[in-house]
Every structure is written in C-alpha cells, then in structure tokens.
C-alpha cells in the first residue's frame, strides 16, 4: 500500500493500521473488511528522494466483497488507475509481474483451511 510502509499511529497495532490504510488507499469501509492473520512479510531497501529507506511490508488476509471497494472514497482517488480481483489460479499462472512474488503460496495454504505457523518471509 503506497510507496513506503506507514507506521501505526500511537497506540495502534498493525491490524488496526491495515484497516485504516485499506480505507485511505482503496476507499474500503473498515466495517466491510474481515481481517484475518498476517500471511507474509517483505523487507526491501531502496532509495526515496536520494535517501536509503528500509521498507517493511506486512501482508494480511482480508476478506471483502466487490461492493465494499469504492475508490471514490479513497484519500487520493486519482492515484487508482484500475483494480481487479484475482483467483488463486490466475495469480499463480499470470505472465504479469505481481508483487510481492510468492504471495500466492501462503494465500493458498490459508484458503485450504491450513493455518500458517508464522508469516512467510518473501524476497521478491
């Protein structure tokens, strides 16, 4: 979400921050989101305005209906060019590059009803 991880506000845990970010970034009402466990984590070092930044991304399972997504309610709706839903098969078989690479595996595990012992560490 966005170009760098936004830290939770004071007293806010990562799950609560995720709900807030889904509202701000995609216009999803947090009451419409069923937030599940953290599936994965990815850390990436890169330059932002000439400064080295360490970006840490946490990926949570979120269940939301198509009707729950309304980009016009996003904080910056003009930044959303398009969005789409992917089936697990589409995600695994696409020729497009979808980041983070490797996210389909923990999603498949949880979708099959098998809990993760801990979040998967992604590198792509």
C-alpha atoms as a PDB file:
ATOM      1  CA  UNK A   1       0.000   0.000   0.000  1.00  0.00           C
ATOM      2  CA  UNK A   2       1.513   3.253  -1.009  1.00  0.00           C
ATOM      3  CA  UNK A   3       5.187   3.866  -1.602  1.00  0.00           C
ATOM      4  CA  UNK A   4       6.506   3.123   1.890  1.00  0.00           C
ATOM      5  CA  UNK A   5       5.110   1.429   4.939  1.00  0.00           C
ATOM      6  CA  UNK A   6       3.314   3.839   7.171  1.00  0.00           C
ATOM      7  CA  UNK A   7       3.920   3.170  10.815  1.00  0.00           C
ATOM      8  CA  UNK A   8       0.909   2.581  13.008  1.00  0.00           C
ATOM      9  CA  UNK A   9      -0.268   5.656  14.873  1.00  0.00           C
ATOM     10  CA  UNK A  10       0.455   5.851  18.594  1.00  0.00           C
ATOM     11  CA  UNK A  11      -1.396   3.031  20.352  1.00  0.00           C
ATOM     12  CA  UNK A  12      -2.390   1.429  17.041  1.00  0.00           C
ATOM     13  CA  UNK A  13      -1.436  -2.166  16.225  1.00  0.00           C
ATOM     14  CA  UNK A  14      -0.589  -3.385  12.719  1.00  0.00           C
ATOM     15  CA  UNK A  15      -4.037  -4.917  12.139  1.00  0.00           C
ATOM     16  CA  UNK A  16      -5.777  -1.639  13.006  1.00  0.00           C
ATOM     17  CA  UNK A  17      -3.316   0.277  10.817  1.00  0.00           C
ATOM     18  CA  UNK A  18      -4.090  -2.135   7.969  1.00  0.00           C
ATOM     19  CA  UNK A  19      -7.818  -1.424   8.235  1.00  0.00           C
ATOM     20  CA  UNK A  20      -7.141   2.322   8.254  1.00  0.00           C
ATOM     21  CA  UNK A  21      -4.843   2.067   5.232  1.00  0.00           C
ATOM     22  CA  UNK A  22      -7.364  -0.006   3.246  1.00  0.00           C
ATOM     23  CA  UNK A  23      -9.859   2.787   3.805  1.00  0.00           C
ATOM     24  CA  UNK A  24      -7.454   5.543   2.838  1.00  0.00           C
ATOM     25  CA  UNK A  25      -5.780   3.783  -0.083  1.00  0.00           C
ATOM     26  CA  UNK A  26      -8.755   1.960  -1.636  1.00  0.00           C
ATOM     27  CA  UNK A  27     -11.867   3.504  -0.104  1.00  0.00           C
ATOM     28  CA  UNK A  28     -12.917   0.323   1.710  1.00  0.00           C
ATOM     29  CA  UNK A  29     -15.100   0.859   4.778  1.00  0.00           C
ATOM     30  CA  UNK A  30     -13.340  -0.980   7.596  1.00  0.00           C
ATOM     31  CA  UNK A  31     -16.680  -2.466   8.709  1.00  0.00           C
ATOM     32  CA  UNK A  32     -16.793  -4.288   5.345  1.00  0.00           C
ATOM     33  CA  UNK A  33     -13.412  -5.986   5.917  1.00  0.00           C
ATOM     34  CA  UNK A  34     -12.916  -9.373   7.532  1.00  0.00           C
ATOM     35  CA  UNK A  35      -9.263  -9.126   8.526  1.00  0.00           C
ATOM     36  CA  UNK A  36      -7.513 -12.433   9.013  1.00  0.00           C
ATOM     37  CA  UNK A  37      -3.998 -13.388  10.057  1.00  0.00           C
ATOM     38  CA  UNK A  38      -0.757 -11.924   8.811  1.00  0.00           C
ATOM     39  CA  UNK A  39       0.321 -14.109   5.880  1.00  0.00           C
ATOM     40  CA  UNK A  40       3.686 -12.710   4.904  1.00  0.00           C
ATOM     41  CA  UNK A  41       6.313 -10.045   5.364  1.00  0.00           C
ATOM     42  CA  UNK A  42       8.776  -8.478   2.955  1.00  0.00           C
ATOM     43  CA  UNK A  43      11.646  -6.097   3.634  1.00  0.00           C
ATOM     44  CA  UNK A  44      13.172  -4.052   0.848  1.00  0.00           C
ATOM     45  CA  UNK A  45      15.921  -1.413   0.862  1.00  0.00           C
ATOM     46  CA  UNK A  46      15.686   1.269  -1.814  1.00  0.00           C
ATOM     47  CA  UNK A  47      16.220   4.959  -2.491  1.00  0.00           C
ATOM     48  CA  UNK A  48      13.499   7.536  -1.874  1.00  0.00           C
ATOM     49  CA  UNK A  49      14.436  11.085  -2.921  1.00  0.00           C
ATOM     50  CA  UNK A  50      18.100  10.092  -2.793  1.00  0.00           C
ATOM     51  CA  UNK A  51      17.937   8.607   0.715  1.00  0.00           C
ATOM     52  CA  UNK A  52      18.244   4.914   1.559  1.00  0.00           C
ATOM     53  CA  UNK A  53      14.984   3.640   3.061  1.00  0.00           C
ATOM     54  CA  UNK A  54      14.132   0.252   4.533  1.00  0.00           C
ATOM     55  CA  UNK A  55      10.538  -0.599   3.625  1.00  0.00           C
ATOM     56  CA  UNK A  56       8.815  -3.308   5.674  1.00  0.00           C
ATOM     57  CA  UNK A  57       5.540  -4.644   4.285  1.00  0.00           C
ATOM     58  CA  UNK A  58       3.153  -6.833   6.262  1.00  0.00           C
ATOM     59  CA  UNK A  59       0.536  -8.773   4.282  1.00  0.00           C
ATOM     60  CA  UNK A  60      -2.729  -9.753   5.966  1.00  0.00           C
ATOM     61  CA  UNK A  61      -5.558 -11.909   4.692  1.00  0.00           C
ATOM     62  CA  UNK A  62      -8.514  -9.594   4.113  1.00  0.00           C
ATOM     63  CA  UNK A  63     -11.971 -10.663   3.024  1.00  0.00           C
ATOM     64  CA  UNK A  64     -14.102  -8.004   1.398  1.00  0.00           C
ATOM     65  CA  UNK A  65     -16.876  -8.117  -1.176  1.00  0.00           C
ATOM     66  CA  UNK A  66     -16.536  -6.334  -4.504  1.00  0.00           C
ATOM     67  CA  UNK A  67     -19.294  -3.975  -3.353  1.00  0.00           C
ATOM     68  CA  UNK A  68     -17.129  -2.982  -0.369  1.00  0.00           C
ATOM     69  CA  UNK A  69     -14.464  -1.389  -2.585  1.00  0.00           C
ATOM     70  CA  UNK A  70     -15.187   2.188  -3.615  1.00  0.00           C
ATOM     71  CA  UNK A  71     -12.131   4.034  -4.947  1.00  0.00           C
ATOM     72  CA  UNK A  72     -14.068   7.313  -4.959  1.00  0.00           C
ATOM     73  CA  UNK A  73     -13.849   7.217  -1.129  1.00  0.00           C
ATOM     74  CA  UNK A  74     -10.055   6.830  -1.189  1.00  0.00           C
ATOM     75  CA  UNK A  75      -7.887   9.643   0.123  1.00  0.00           C
ATOM     76  CA  UNK A  76      -6.360  10.082  -3.357  1.00  0.00           C
ATOM     77  CA  UNK A  77      -8.810   8.502  -5.815  1.00  0.00           C
ATOM     78  CA  UNK A  78      -6.912   9.865  -8.839  1.00  0.00           C
ATOM     79  CA  UNK A  79      -3.981   7.590  -7.913  1.00  0.00           C
ATOM     80  CA  UNK A  80      -6.108   4.487  -8.577  1.00  0.00           C
ATOM     81  CA  UNK A  81      -5.937   3.716 -12.278  1.00  0.00           C
ATOM     82  CA  UNK A  82      -7.565   0.282 -12.052  1.00  0.00           C
ATOM     83  CA  UNK A  83      -8.147  -2.603  -9.699  1.00  0.00           C
ATOM     84  CA  UNK A  84      -9.222  -6.184 -10.176  1.00  0.00           C
ATOM     85  CA  UNK A  85      -9.930  -9.426  -8.373  1.00  0.00           C
ATOM     86  CA  UNK A  86      -7.620 -12.387  -8.961  1.00  0.00           C
ATOM     87  CA  UNK A  87      -8.499 -16.029  -8.464  1.00  0.00           C
ATOM     88  CA  UNK A  88      -5.737 -18.080  -6.921  1.00  0.00           C
ATOM     89  CA  UNK A  89      -5.249 -19.882 -10.249  1.00  0.00           C
ATOM     90  CA  UNK A  90      -4.917 -16.545 -12.090  1.00  0.00           C
ATOM     91  CA  UNK A  91      -2.417 -15.289  -9.545  1.00  0.00           C
ATOM     92  CA  UNK A  92      -0.310 -18.433  -9.903  1.00  0.00           C
ATOM     93  CA  UNK A  93      -0.468 -18.586 -13.699  1.00  0.00           C
ATOM     94  CA  UNK A  94      -0.269 -14.965 -14.820  1.00  0.00           C
ATOM     95  CA  UNK A  95       2.517 -13.797 -17.114  1.00  0.00           C
ATOM     96  CA  UNK A  96       2.262 -10.361 -15.459  1.00  0.00           C
ATOM     97  CA  UNK A  97       4.614  -9.489 -12.624  1.00  0.00           C
ATOM     98  CA  UNK A  98       2.635  -9.298  -9.402  1.00  0.00           C
ATOM     99  CA  UNK A  99       4.424  -8.134  -6.283  1.00  0.00           C
ATOM    100  CA  UNK A 100       5.206  -9.485  -3.876  1.00  0.00           C
ATOM    101  CA  UNK A 101       6.362 -12.584  -5.687  1.00  0.00           C
ATOM    102  CA  UNK A 102       5.449 -15.696  -3.725  1.00  0.00           C
ATOM    103  CA  UNK A 103       2.322 -14.374  -2.030  1.00  0.00           C
ATOM    104  CA  UNK A 104       0.124 -16.972  -3.773  1.00  0.00           C
ATOM    105  CA  UNK A 105       1.586 -19.822  -1.689  1.00  0.00           C
ATOM    106  CA  UNK A 106       0.589 -18.560   1.778  1.00  0.00           C
ATOM    107  CA  UNK A 107      -2.788 -17.446   0.380  1.00  0.00           C
ATOM    108  CA  UNK A 108      -3.361 -20.974  -0.971  1.00  0.00           C
ATOM    109  CA  UNK A 109      -2.398 -22.514   2.372  1.00  0.00           C
ATOM    110  CA  UNK A 110      -4.863 -20.383   4.322  1.00  0.00           C
ATOM    111  CA  UNK A 111      -7.587 -20.733   1.659  1.00  0.00           C
ATOM    112  CA  UNK A 112      -7.281 -24.515   2.015  1.00  0.00           C
ATOM    113  CA  UNK A 113      -8.028 -24.169   5.727  1.00  0.00           C
ATOM    114  CA  UNK A 114      -4.476 -24.812   6.913  1.00  0.00           C
ATOM    115  CA  UNK A 115      -3.161 -22.161   9.305  1.00  0.00           C
ATOM    116  CA  UNK A 116       0.339 -20.780   8.930  1.00  0.00           C
ATOM    117  CA  UNK A 117       2.674 -21.381  11.862  1.00  0.00           C
ATOM    118  CA  UNK A 118       4.198 -17.965  11.216  1.00  0.00           C
ATOM    119  CA  UNK A 119       4.143 -15.357   8.440  1.00  0.00           C
ATOM    120  CA  UNK A 120       6.154 -16.302   5.351  1.00  0.00           C
ATOM    121  CA  UNK A 121       9.195 -14.136   4.586  1.00  0.00           C
ATOM    122  CA  UNK A 122       9.059 -13.044   0.933  1.00  0.00           C
ATOM    123  CA  UNK A 123      12.037 -11.785  -1.011  1.00  0.00           C
ATOM    124  CA  UNK A 124      10.536 -10.784  -4.385  1.00  0.00           C
END
